[in-house]
Amino acid sequence: MEIAGCHSLQLSYPSKCSQLHGHNWIVTVHCKSRELNADGMVVDFTEIKNKIHGYLDHGNFNELLPFNPTAENIARWICDQIETCWRVEVQESEGNIAVYEED
């Protein structure tokens, strides 16, 4: 899914990313289950879109999320929102992708 949003990063070193700036984030959510539900799904994609896209799209991630909104932290947060999720990829720009996986 694609999410438009802005953030600024609080870093331990000087960076232009400390200024408020935006991205069109590309998010890939991987879910798994040993069994499918009664509808033949692991999870309805609409549920994922509502929880993630519906909350973050066109928002200021610094205001919406209770942590430094790095791509890595955002990936972890997304994974925590979906019960069957085990892996999330967050691309903030071409070639810059963070991956979070649960053990």
PDB file of N, CA and C in Angstrom:
ATOM      1  N   MET A   1       0.841  -1.166   0.000  1.00  0.00           N
ATOM      2  CA  MET A   1       0.000   0.000   0.000  1.00  0.00           C
ATOM      3  C   MET A   1       0.891   1.235   0.000  1.00  0.00           C
ATOM      4  N   GLU A   2       0.390   2.321  -0.510  1.00  0.00           N
ATOM      5  CA  GLU A   2       1.132   3.581  -0.525  1.00  0.00           C
ATOM      6  C   GLU A   2       0.505   4.532   0.477  1.00  0.00           C
ATOM      7  N   ILE A   3       1.354   5.145   1.278  1.00  0.00           N
ATOM      8  CA  ILE A   3       0.915   6.074   2.310  1.00  0.00           C
ATOM      9  C   ILE A   3       1.687   7.369   2.154  1.00  0.00           C
ATOM     10  N   ALA A   4       0.980   8.474   2.003  1.00  0.00           N
ATOM     11  CA  ALA A   4       1.620   9.786   1.980  1.00  0.00           C
ATOM     12  C   ALA A   4       1.687  10.288   3.416  1.00  0.00           C
ATOM     13  N   GLY A   5       2.858  10.750   3.822  1.00  0.00           N
ATOM     14  CA  GLY A   5       2.983  11.248   5.179  1.00  0.00           C
ATOM     15  C   GLY A   5       4.297  11.966   5.380  1.00  0.00           C
ATOM     16  N   CYS A   6       4.343  12.778   6.433  1.00  0.00           N
ATOM     17  CA  CYS A   6       5.566  13.520   6.727  1.00  0.00           C
ATOM     18  C   CYS A   6       6.083  13.137   8.113  1.00  0.00           C
ATOM     19  N   HIS A   7       7.365  13.437   8.314  1.00  0.00           N
ATOM     20  CA  HIS A   7       7.989  13.197   9.614  1.00  0.00           C
ATOM     21  C   HIS A   7       9.260  14.030   9.701  1.00  0.00           C
ATOM     22  N   SER A   8       9.752  14.161  10.896  1.00  0.00           N
ATOM     23  CA  SER A   8      11.096  14.689  11.143  1.00  0.00           C
ATOM     24  C   SER A   8      11.732  13.736  12.139  1.00  0.00           C
ATOM     25  N   LEU A   9      13.023  13.536  11.992  1.00  0.00           N
ATOM     26  CA  LEU A   9      13.713  12.566  12.838  1.00  0.00           C
ATOM     27  C   LEU A   9      14.567  13.256  13.888  1.00  0.00           C
ATOM     28  N   GLN A  10      14.535  12.727  15.079  1.00  0.00           N
ATOM     29  CA  GLN A  10      15.398  13.183  16.156  1.00  0.00           C
ATOM     30  C   GLN A  10      16.591  12.236  16.174  1.00  0.00           C
ATOM     31  N   LEU A  11      17.735  12.726  15.708  1.00  0.00           N
ATOM     32  CA  LEU A  11      18.909  11.881  15.547  1.00  0.00           C
ATOM     33  C   LEU A  11      20.058  12.370  16.412  1.00  0.00           C
ATOM     34  N   SER A  12      21.010  11.501  16.648  1.00  0.00           N
ATOM     35  CA  SER A  12      22.162  11.841  17.489  1.00  0.00           C
ATOM     36  C   SER A  12      23.264  12.523  16.693  1.00  0.00           C
ATOM     37  N   TYR A  13      23.007  12.864  15.457  1.00  0.00           N
ATOM     38  CA  TYR A  13      23.977  13.511  14.576  1.00  0.00           C
ATOM     39  C   TYR A  13      23.235  14.517  13.686  1.00  0.00           C
ATOM     40  N   PRO A  14      23.939  15.528  13.168  1.00  0.00           N
ATOM     41  CA  PRO A  14      23.289  16.501  12.293  1.00  0.00           C
ATOM     42  C   PRO A  14      22.787  15.833  11.005  1.00  0.00           C
ATOM     43  N   SER A  15      21.552  16.151  10.627  1.00  0.00           N
ATOM     44  CA  SER A  15      20.968  15.549   9.426  1.00  0.00           C
ATOM     45  C   SER A  15      19.857  16.431   8.902  1.00  0.00           C
ATOM     46  N   LYS A  16      19.744  16.528   7.584  1.00  0.00           N
ATOM     47  CA  LYS A  16      18.637  17.282   7.003  1.00  0.00           C
ATOM     48  C   LYS A  16      17.304  16.597   7.303  1.00  0.00           C
ATOM     49  N   CYS A  17      17.335  15.337   7.699  1.00  0.00           N
ATOM     50  CA  CYS A  17      16.107  14.617   8.048  1.00  0.00           C
ATOM     51  C   CYS A  17      15.506  15.095   9.374  1.00  0.00           C
ATOM     52  N   SER A  18      16.223  15.959  10.079  1.00  0.00           N
ATOM     53  CA  SER A  18      15.680  16.556  11.298  1.00  0.00           C
ATOM     54  C   SER A  18      14.618  17.603  10.978  1.00  0.00           C
ATOM     55  N   GLN A  19      14.581  18.036   9.727  1.00  0.00           N
ATOM     56  CA  GLN A  19      13.557  18.978   9.275  1.00  0.00           C
ATOM     57  C   GLN A  19      12.321  18.192   8.831  1.00  0.00           C
ATOM     58  N   LEU A  20      11.157  18.771   9.015  1.00  0.00           N
ATOM     59  CA  LEU A  20       9.929  18.138   8.582  1.00  0.00           C
ATOM     60  C   LEU A  20       9.959  17.950   7.067  1.00  0.00           C
ATOM     61  N   HIS A  21       9.704  16.736   6.619  1.00  0.00           N
ATOM     62  CA  HIS A  21       9.704  16.415   5.188  1.00  0.00           C
ATOM     63  C   HIS A  21       8.765  15.237   4.947  1.00  0.00           C
ATOM     64  N   GLY A  22       8.385  15.039   3.701  1.00  0.00           N
ATOM     65  CA  GLY A  22       7.408  14.007   3.389  1.00  0.00           C
ATOM     66  C   GLY A  22       7.924  12.947   2.444  1.00  0.00           C
ATOM     67  N   HIS A  23       7.204  11.841   2.429  1.00  0.00           N
ATOM     68  CA  HIS A  23       7.484  10.721   1.541  1.00  0.00           C
ATOM     69  C   HIS A  23       6.161  10.134   1.073  1.00  0.00           C
ATOM     70  N   ASN A  24       6.201   9.436  -0.025  1.00  0.00           N
ATOM     71  CA  ASN A  24       5.130   8.519  -0.409  1.00  0.00           C
ATOM     72  C   ASN A  24       5.667   7.135  -0.073  1.00  0.00           C
ATOM     73  N   TRP A  25       5.348   6.681   1.119  1.00  0.00           N
ATOM     74  CA  TRP A  25       5.844   5.435   1.661  1.00  0.00           C
ATOM     75  C   TRP A  25       5.178   4.262   0.951  1.00  0.00           C
ATOM     76  N   ILE A  26       5.956   3.250   0.625  1.00  0.00           N
ATOM     77  CA  ILE A  26       5.414   2.005   0.093  1.00  0.00           C
ATOM     78  C   ILE A  26       5.565   0.958   1.196  1.00  0.00           C
ATOM     79  N   VAL A  27       4.447   0.392   1.622  1.00  0.00           N
ATOM     80  CA  VAL A  27       4.440  -0.549   2.743  1.00  0.00           C
ATOM     81  C   VAL A  27       3.952  -1.905   2.252  1.00  0.00           C
ATOM     82  N   THR A  28       4.719  -2.937   2.561  1.00  0.00           N
ATOM     83  CA  THR A  28       4.324  -4.309   2.257  1.00  0.00           C
ATOM     84  C   THR A  28       4.204  -5.065   3.566  1.00  0.00           C
ATOM     85  N   VAL A  29       3.030  -5.628   3.799  1.00  0.00           N
ATOM     86  CA  VAL A  29       2.737  -6.359   5.027  1.00  0.00           C
ATOM     87  C   VAL A  29       2.634  -7.844   4.696  1.00  0.00           C
ATOM     88  N   HIS A  30       3.391  -8.664   5.428  1.00  0.00           N
ATOM     89  CA  HIS A  30       3.360 -10.115   5.245  1.00  0.00           C
ATOM     90  C   HIS A  30       2.673 -10.741   6.457  1.00  0.00           C
ATOM     91  N   CYS A  31       1.645 -11.534   6.193  1.00  0.00           N
ATOM     92  CA  CYS A  31       0.916 -12.203   7.268  1.00  0.00           C
ATOM     93  C   CYS A  31       0.966 -13.706   7.042  1.00  0.00           C
ATOM     94  N   LYS A  32       0.834 -14.460   8.131  1.00  0.00           N
ATOM     95  CA  LYS A  32       0.810 -15.914   7.995  1.00  0.00           C
ATOM     96  C   LYS A  32      -0.060 -16.518   9.082  1.00  0.00           C
ATOM     97  N   SER A  33      -0.507 -17.717   8.792  1.00  0.00           N
ATOM     98  CA  SER A  33      -1.329 -18.457   9.741  1.00  0.00           C
ATOM     99  C   SER A  33      -1.267 -19.932   9.376  1.00  0.00           C
ATOM    100  N   ARG A  34      -1.382 -20.784  10.366  1.00  0.00           N
ATOM    101  CA  ARG A  34      -1.405 -22.226  10.095  1.00  0.00           C
ATOM    102  C   ARG A  34      -2.745 -22.632   9.475  1.00  0.00           C
ATOM    103  N   GLU A  35      -3.777 -21.838   9.732  1.00  0.00           N
ATOM    104  CA  GLU A  35      -5.105 -22.132   9.199  1.00  0.00           C
ATOM    105  C   GLU A  35      -5.722 -20.857   8.642  1.00  0.00           C
ATOM    106  N   LEU A  36      -6.572 -21.018   7.655  1.00  0.00           N
ATOM    107  CA  LEU A  36      -7.317 -19.891   7.107  1.00  0.00           C
ATOM    108  C   LEU A  36      -8.613 -19.736   7.890  1.00  0.00           C
ATOM    109  N   ASN A  37      -9.142 -18.514   7.918  1.00  0.00           N
ATOM    110  CA  ASN A  37     -10.407 -18.295   8.618  1.00  0.00           C
ATOM    111  C   ASN A  37     -11.559 -18.862   7.782  1.00  0.00           C
ATOM    112  N   ALA A  38     -12.777 -18.702   8.264  1.00  0.00           N
ATOM    113  CA  ALA A  38     -13.950 -19.261   7.596  1.00  0.00           C
ATOM    114  C   ALA A  38     -14.136 -18.720   6.182  1.00  0.00           C
ATOM    115  N   ASP A  39     -13.568 -17.549   5.905  1.00  0.00           N
ATOM    116  CA  ASP A  39     -13.670 -16.945   4.580  1.00  0.00           C
ATOM    117  C   ASP A  39     -12.509 -17.347   3.668  1.00  0.00           C
ATOM    118  N   GLY A  40     -11.604 -18.189   4.169  1.00  0.00           N
ATOM    119  CA  GLY A  40     -10.472 -18.637   3.366  1.00  0.00           C
ATOM    120  C   GLY A  40      -9.331 -17.647   3.326  1.00  0.00           C
ATOM    121  N   MET A  41      -9.208 -16.825   4.369  1.00  0.00           N
ATOM    122  CA  MET A  41      -8.165 -15.794   4.422  1.00  0.00           C
ATOM    123  C   MET A  41      -7.327 -15.943   5.681  1.00  0.00           C
ATOM    124  N   VAL A  42      -6.122 -15.374   5.627  1.00  0.00           N
ATOM    125  CA  VAL A  42      -5.331 -15.179   6.838  1.00  0.00           C
ATOM    126  C   VAL A  42      -5.851 -13.927   7.536  1.00  0.00           C
ATOM    127  N   VAL A  43      -5.999 -12.858   6.768  1.00  0.00           N
ATOM    128  CA  VAL A  43      -6.560 -11.598   7.254  1.00  0.00           C
ATOM    129  C   VAL A  43      -7.131 -10.864   6.046  1.00  0.00           C
ATOM    130  N   ASP A  44      -8.205 -10.147   6.248  1.00  0.00           N
ATOM    131  CA  ASP A  44      -8.798  -9.360   5.167  1.00  0.00           C
ATOM    132  C   ASP A  44      -7.908  -8.144   4.918  1.00  0.00           C
ATOM    133  N   PHE A  45      -7.508  -7.937   3.670  1.00  0.00           N
ATOM    134  CA  PHE A  45      -6.644  -6.804   3.331  1.00  0.00           C
ATOM    135  C   PHE A  45      -7.294  -5.473   3.704  1.00  0.00           C
ATOM    136  N   THR A  46      -8.624  -5.428   3.690  1.00  0.00           N
ATOM    137  CA  THR A  46      -9.328  -4.196   4.075  1.00  0.00           C
ATOM    138  C   THR A  46      -9.036  -3.843   5.528  1.00  0.00           C
ATOM    139  N   GLU A  47      -8.929  -4.849   6.386  1.00  0.00           N
ATOM    140  CA  GLU A  47      -8.605  -4.607   7.797  1.00  0.00           C
ATOM    141  C   GLU A  47      -7.224  -3.958   7.918  1.00  0.00           C
ATOM    142  N   ILE A  48      -6.265  -4.475   7.160  1.00  0.00           N
ATOM    143  CA  ILE A  48      -4.914  -3.911   7.191  1.00  0.00           C
ATOM    144  C   ILE A  48      -4.941  -2.474   6.681  1.00  0.00           C
ATOM    145  N   LYS A  49      -5.607  -2.258   5.564  1.00  0.00           N
ATOM    146  CA  LYS A  49      -5.665  -0.912   4.986  1.00  0.00           C
ATOM    147  C   LYS A  49      -6.324   0.067   5.949  1.00  0.00           C
ATOM    148  N   ASN A  50      -7.420  -0.335   6.586  1.00  0.00           N
ATOM    149  CA  ASN A  50      -8.102   0.558   7.523  1.00  0.00           C
ATOM    150  C   ASN A  50      -7.224   0.904   8.726  1.00  0.00           C
ATOM    151  N   LYS A  51      -6.549  -0.100   9.285  1.00  0.00           N
ATOM    152  CA  LYS A  51      -5.727   0.126  10.480  1.00  0.00           C
ATOM    153  C   LYS A  51      -4.486   0.950  10.186  1.00  0.00           C
ATOM    154  N   ILE A  52      -3.867   0.741   9.040  1.00  0.00           N
ATOM    155  CA  ILE A  52      -2.587   1.379   8.752  1.00  0.00           C
ATOM    156  C   ILE A  52      -2.772   2.599   7.860  1.00  0.00           C
ATOM    157  N   HIS A  53      -3.249   2.390   6.661  1.00  0.00           N
ATOM    158  CA  HIS A  53      -3.448   3.491   5.716  1.00  0.00           C
ATOM    159  C   HIS A  53      -4.465   4.490   6.271  1.00  0.00           C
ATOM    160  N   GLY A  54      -5.561   3.984   6.796  1.00  0.00           N
ATOM    161  CA  GLY A  54      -6.609   4.857   7.323  1.00  0.00           C
ATOM    162  C   GLY A  54      -6.134   5.745   8.457  1.00  0.00           C
ATOM    163  N   TYR A  55      -5.157   5.280   9.210  1.00  0.00           N
ATOM    164  CA  TYR A  55      -4.634   6.051  10.346  1.00  0.00           C
ATOM    165  C   TYR A  55      -3.501   6.988   9.931  1.00  0.00           C
ATOM    166  N   LEU A  56      -2.583   6.520   9.107  1.00  0.00           N
ATOM    167  CA  LEU A  56      -1.370   7.290   8.809  1.00  0.00           C
ATOM    168  C   LEU A  56      -1.461   8.197   7.589  1.00  0.00           C
ATOM    169  N   ASP A  57      -2.272   7.841   6.579  1.00  0.00           N
ATOM    170  CA  ASP A  57      -2.218   8.533   5.292  1.00  0.00           C
ATOM    171  C   ASP A  57      -2.457  10.033   5.426  1.00  0.00           C
ATOM    172  N   HIS A  58      -1.577  10.799   4.826  1.00  0.00           N
ATOM    173  CA  HIS A  58      -1.571  12.262   4.812  1.00  0.00           C
ATOM    174  C   HIS A  58      -1.428  12.868   6.209  1.00  0.00           C
ATOM    175  N   GLY A  59      -0.780  12.128   7.095  1.00  0.00           N
ATOM    176  CA  GLY A  59      -0.586  12.616   8.450  1.00  0.00           C
ATOM    177  C   GLY A  59       0.857  12.970   8.743  1.00  0.00           C
ATOM    178  N   ASN A  60       1.030  13.627   9.879  1.00  0.00           N
ATOM    179  CA  ASN A  60       2.359  13.915  10.417  1.00  0.00           C
ATOM    180  C   ASN A  60       2.678  12.785  11.384  1.00  0.00           C
ATOM    181  N   PHE A  61       3.605  11.933  11.010  1.00  0.00           N
ATOM    182  CA  PHE A  61       3.907  10.754  11.809  1.00  0.00           C
ATOM    183  C   PHE A  61       4.429  11.109  13.199  1.00  0.00           C
ATOM    184  N   ASN A  62       5.059  12.266  13.337  1.00  0.00           N
ATOM    185  CA  ASN A  62       5.524  12.690  14.657  1.00  0.00           C
ATOM    186  C   ASN A  62       4.349  12.923  15.604  1.00  0.00           C
ATOM    187  N   GLU A  63       3.214  13.332  15.057  1.00  0.00           N
ATOM    188  CA  GLU A  63       2.022  13.565  15.873  1.00  0.00           C
ATOM    189  C   GLU A  63       1.207  12.299  16.080  1.00  0.00           C
ATOM    190  N   LEU A  64       1.282  11.369  15.138  1.00  0.00           N
ATOM    191  CA  LEU A  64       0.452  10.167  15.185  1.00  0.00           C
ATOM    192  C   LEU A  64       1.094   8.996  15.911  1.00  0.00           C
ATOM    193  N   LEU A  65       2.407   8.970  15.989  1.00  0.00           N
ATOM    194  CA  LEU A  65       3.123   7.824  16.547  1.00  0.00           C
ATOM    195  C   LEU A  65       3.932   8.238  17.776  1.00  0.00           C
ATOM    196  N   PRO A  66       3.974   7.398  18.807  1.00  0.00           N
ATOM    197  CA  PRO A  66       4.629   7.759  20.072  1.00  0.00           C
ATOM    198  C   PRO A  66       6.119   7.424  20.125  1.00  0.00           C
ATOM    199  N   PHE A  67       6.817   7.538  18.986  1.00  0.00           N
ATOM    200  CA  PHE A  67       8.235   7.210  18.934  1.00  0.00           C
ATOM    201  C   PHE A  67       8.870   7.992  17.800  1.00  0.00           C
ATOM    202  N   ASN A  68      10.195   7.977  17.741  1.00  0.00           N
ATOM    203  CA  ASN A  68      10.931   8.601  16.645  1.00  0.00           C
ATOM    204  C   ASN A  68      10.551   7.850  15.356  1.00  0.00           C
ATOM    205  N   PRO A  69       9.870   8.497  14.403  1.00  0.00           N
ATOM    206  CA  PRO A  69       9.299   7.776  13.270  1.00  0.00           C
ATOM    207  C   PRO A  69      10.285   7.454  12.148  1.00  0.00           C
ATOM    208  N   THR A  70      11.294   6.669  12.489  1.00  0.00           N
ATOM    209  CA  THR A  70      12.197   6.138  11.465  1.00  0.00           C
ATOM    210  C   THR A  70      11.431   5.068  10.684  1.00  0.00           C
ATOM    211  N   ALA A  71      11.895   4.738   9.498  1.00  0.00           N
ATOM    212  CA  ALA A  71      11.260   3.674   8.715  1.00  0.00           C
ATOM    213  C   ALA A  71      11.259   2.364   9.496  1.00  0.00           C
ATOM    214  N   GLU A  72      12.338   2.106  10.235  1.00  0.00           N
ATOM    215  CA  GLU A  72      12.443   0.868  11.012  1.00  0.00           C
ATOM    216  C   GLU A  72      11.403   0.824  12.131  1.00  0.00           C
ATOM    217  N   ASN A  73      11.259   1.928  12.851  1.00  0.00           N
ATOM    218  CA  ASN A  73      10.260   1.976  13.926  1.00  0.00           C
ATOM    219  C   ASN A  73       8.843   1.894  13.371  1.00  0.00           C
ATOM    220  N   ILE A  74       8.613   2.514  12.229  1.00  0.00           N
ATOM    221  CA  ILE A  74       7.288   2.447  11.599  1.00  0.00           C
ATOM    222  C   ILE A  74       6.984   1.010  11.191  1.00  0.00           C
ATOM    223  N   ALA A  75       7.951   0.313  10.625  1.00  0.00           N
ATOM    224  CA  ALA A  75       7.756  -1.089  10.239  1.00  0.00           C
ATOM    225  C   ALA A  75       7.395  -1.937  11.453  1.00  0.00           C
ATOM    226  N   ARG A  76       8.090  -1.745  12.551  1.00  0.00           N
ATOM    227  CA  ARG A  76       7.790  -2.510  13.771  1.00  0.00           C
ATOM    228  C   ARG A  76       6.387  -2.202  14.276  1.00  0.00           C
ATOM    229  N   TRP A  77       6.016  -0.917  14.278  1.00  0.00           N
ATOM    230  CA  TRP A  77       4.688  -0.504  14.735  1.00  0.00           C
ATOM    231  C   TRP A  77       3.602  -1.144  13.871  1.00  0.00           C
ATOM    232  N   ILE A  78       3.779  -1.121  12.554  1.00  0.00           N
ATOM    233  CA  ILE A  78       2.796  -1.727  11.663  1.00  0.00           C
ATOM    234  C   ILE A  78       2.647  -3.210  11.971  1.00  0.00           C
ATOM    235  N   CYS A  79       3.757  -3.897  12.144  1.00  0.00           N
ATOM    236  CA  CYS A  79       3.725  -5.323  12.457  1.00  0.00           C
ATOM    237  C   CYS A  79       2.927  -5.580  13.740  1.00  0.00           C
ATOM    238  N   ASP A  80       3.084  -4.722  14.711  1.00  0.00           N
ATOM    239  CA  ASP A  80       2.375  -4.873  15.985  1.00  0.00           C
ATOM    240  C   ASP A  80       0.871  -4.645  15.857  1.00  0.00           C
ATOM    241  N   GLN A  81       0.434  -3.939  14.824  1.00  0.00           N
ATOM    242  CA  GLN A  81      -0.987  -3.621  14.663  1.00  0.00           C
ATOM    243  C   GLN A  81      -1.804  -4.770  14.070  1.00  0.00           C
ATOM    244  N   ILE A  82      -1.147  -5.695  13.395  1.00  0.00           N
ATOM    245  CA  ILE A  82      -1.829  -6.781  12.694  1.00  0.00           C
ATOM    246  C   ILE A  82      -1.441  -8.100  13.352  1.00  0.00           C
ATOM    247  N   GLU A  83      -2.394  -8.787  13.925  1.00  0.00           N
ATOM    248  CA  GLU A  83      -2.120  -9.988  14.718  1.00  0.00           C
ATOM    249  C   GLU A  83      -1.337 -11.059  13.959  1.00  0.00           C
ATOM    250  N   THR A  84      -1.646 -11.253  12.705  1.00  0.00           N
ATOM    251  CA  THR A  84      -1.006 -12.333  11.936  1.00  0.00           C
ATOM    252  C   THR A  84       0.234 -11.872  11.181  1.00  0.00           C
ATOM    253  N   CYS A  85       0.638 -10.637  11.374  1.00  0.00           N
ATOM    254  CA  CYS A  85       1.790 -10.083  10.655  1.00  0.00           C
ATOM    255  C   CYS A  85       3.085 -10.599  11.256  1.00  0.00           C
ATOM    256  N   TRP A  86       4.031 -10.933  10.388  1.00  0.00           N
ATOM    257  CA  TRP A  86       5.353 -11.380  10.849  1.00  0.00           C
ATOM    258  C   TRP A  86       6.482 -10.599  10.183  1.00  0.00           C
ATOM    259  N   ARG A  87       6.164  -9.856   9.111  1.00  0.00           N
ATOM    260  CA  ARG A  87       7.202  -9.108   8.389  1.00  0.00           C
ATOM    261  C   ARG A  87       6.572  -7.880   7.740  1.00  0.00           C
ATOM    262  N   VAL A  88       7.284  -6.765   7.831  1.00  0.00           N
ATOM    263  CA  VAL A  88       6.834  -5.530   7.185  1.00  0.00           C
ATOM    264  C   VAL A  88       8.026  -4.888   6.498  1.00  0.00           C
ATOM    265  N   GLU A  89       7.808  -4.447   5.267  1.00  0.00           N
ATOM    266  CA  GLU A  89       8.798  -3.676   4.518  1.00  0.00           C
ATOM    267  C   GLU A  89       8.266  -2.263   4.356  1.00  0.00           C
ATOM    268  N   VAL A  90       9.084  -1.286   4.689  1.00  0.00           N
ATOM    269  CA  VAL A  90       8.713   0.124   4.545  1.00  0.00           C
ATOM    270  C   VAL A  90       9.750   0.789   3.660  1.00  0.00           C
ATOM    271  N   GLN A  91       9.301   1.269   2.522  1.00  0.00           N
ATOM    272  CA  GLN A  91      10.168   1.985   1.586  1.00  0.00           C
ATOM    273  C   GLN A  91       9.799   3.463   1.663  1.00  0.00           C
ATOM    274  N   GLU A  92      10.763   4.285   2.090  1.00  0.00           N
ATOM    275  CA  GLU A  92      10.466   5.712   2.181  1.00  0.00           C
ATOM    276  C   GLU A  92      10.883   6.465   0.931  1.00  0.00           C
ATOM    277  N   SER A  93      11.789   5.911   0.161  1.00  0.00           N
ATOM    278  CA  SER A  93      12.167   6.443  -1.144  1.00  0.00           C
ATOM    279  C   SER A  93      12.840   5.303  -1.904  1.00  0.00           C
ATOM    280  N   GLU A  94      12.990   5.481  -3.204  1.00  0.00           N
ATOM    281  CA  GLU A  94      13.542   4.397  -4.010  1.00  0.00           C
ATOM    282  C   GLU A  94      14.923   3.986  -3.500  1.00  0.00           C
ATOM    283  N   GLY A  95      15.063   2.702  -3.230  1.00  0.00           N
ATOM    284  CA  GLY A  95      16.333   2.169  -2.765  1.00  0.00           C
ATOM    285  C   GLY A  95      16.539   2.249  -1.264  1.00  0.00           C
ATOM    286  N   ASN A  96      15.612   2.877  -0.536  1.00  0.00           N
ATOM    287  CA  ASN A  96      15.722   2.986   0.923  1.00  0.00           C
ATOM    288  C   ASN A  96      14.568   2.223   1.560  1.00  0.00           C
ATOM    289  N   ILE A  97      14.853   0.998   1.954  1.00  0.00           N
ATOM    290  CA  ILE A  97      13.832   0.103   2.474  1.00  0.00           C
ATOM    291  C   ILE A  97      14.273  -0.438   3.829  1.00  0.00           C
ATOM    292  N   ALA A  98      13.362  -0.366   4.786  1.00  0.00           N
ATOM    293  CA  ALA A  98      13.600  -0.982   6.105  1.00  0.00           C
ATOM    294  C   ALA A  98      12.693  -2.192   6.215  1.00  0.00           C
ATOM    295  N   VAL A  99      13.220  -3.279   6.776  1.00  0.00           N
ATOM    296  CA  VAL A  99      12.460  -4.506   6.945  1.00  0.00           C
ATOM    297  C   VAL A  99      12.466  -4.850   8.438  1.00  0.00           C
ATOM    298  N   TYR A 100      11.279  -5.142   8.944  1.00  0.00           N
ATOM    299  CA  TYR A 100      11.151  -5.623  10.323  1.00  0.00           C
ATOM    300  C   TYR A 100      10.528  -7.001  10.277  1.00  0.00           C
ATOM    301  N   GLU A 101      11.137  -7.962  10.995  1.00  0.00           N
ATOM    302  CA  GLU A 101      10.617  -9.318  11.085  1.00  0.00           C
ATOM    303  C   GLU A 101      10.544  -9.729  12.545  1.00  0.00           C
ATOM    304  N   GLU A 102       9.445 -10.374  12.898  1.00  0.00           N
ATOM    305  CA  GLU A 102       9.353 -10.969  14.226  1.00  0.00           C
ATOM    306  C   GLU A 102      10.025 -12.331  14.184  1.00  0.00           C
ATOM    307  N   ASP A 103      10.590 -12.743  15.301  1.00  0.00           N
ATOM    308  CA  ASP A 103      11.233 -14.066  15.374  1.00  0.00           C
ATOM    309  C   ASP A 103      10.194 -15.160  15.419  1.00  0.00           C
TER     310      ASP A 103
END
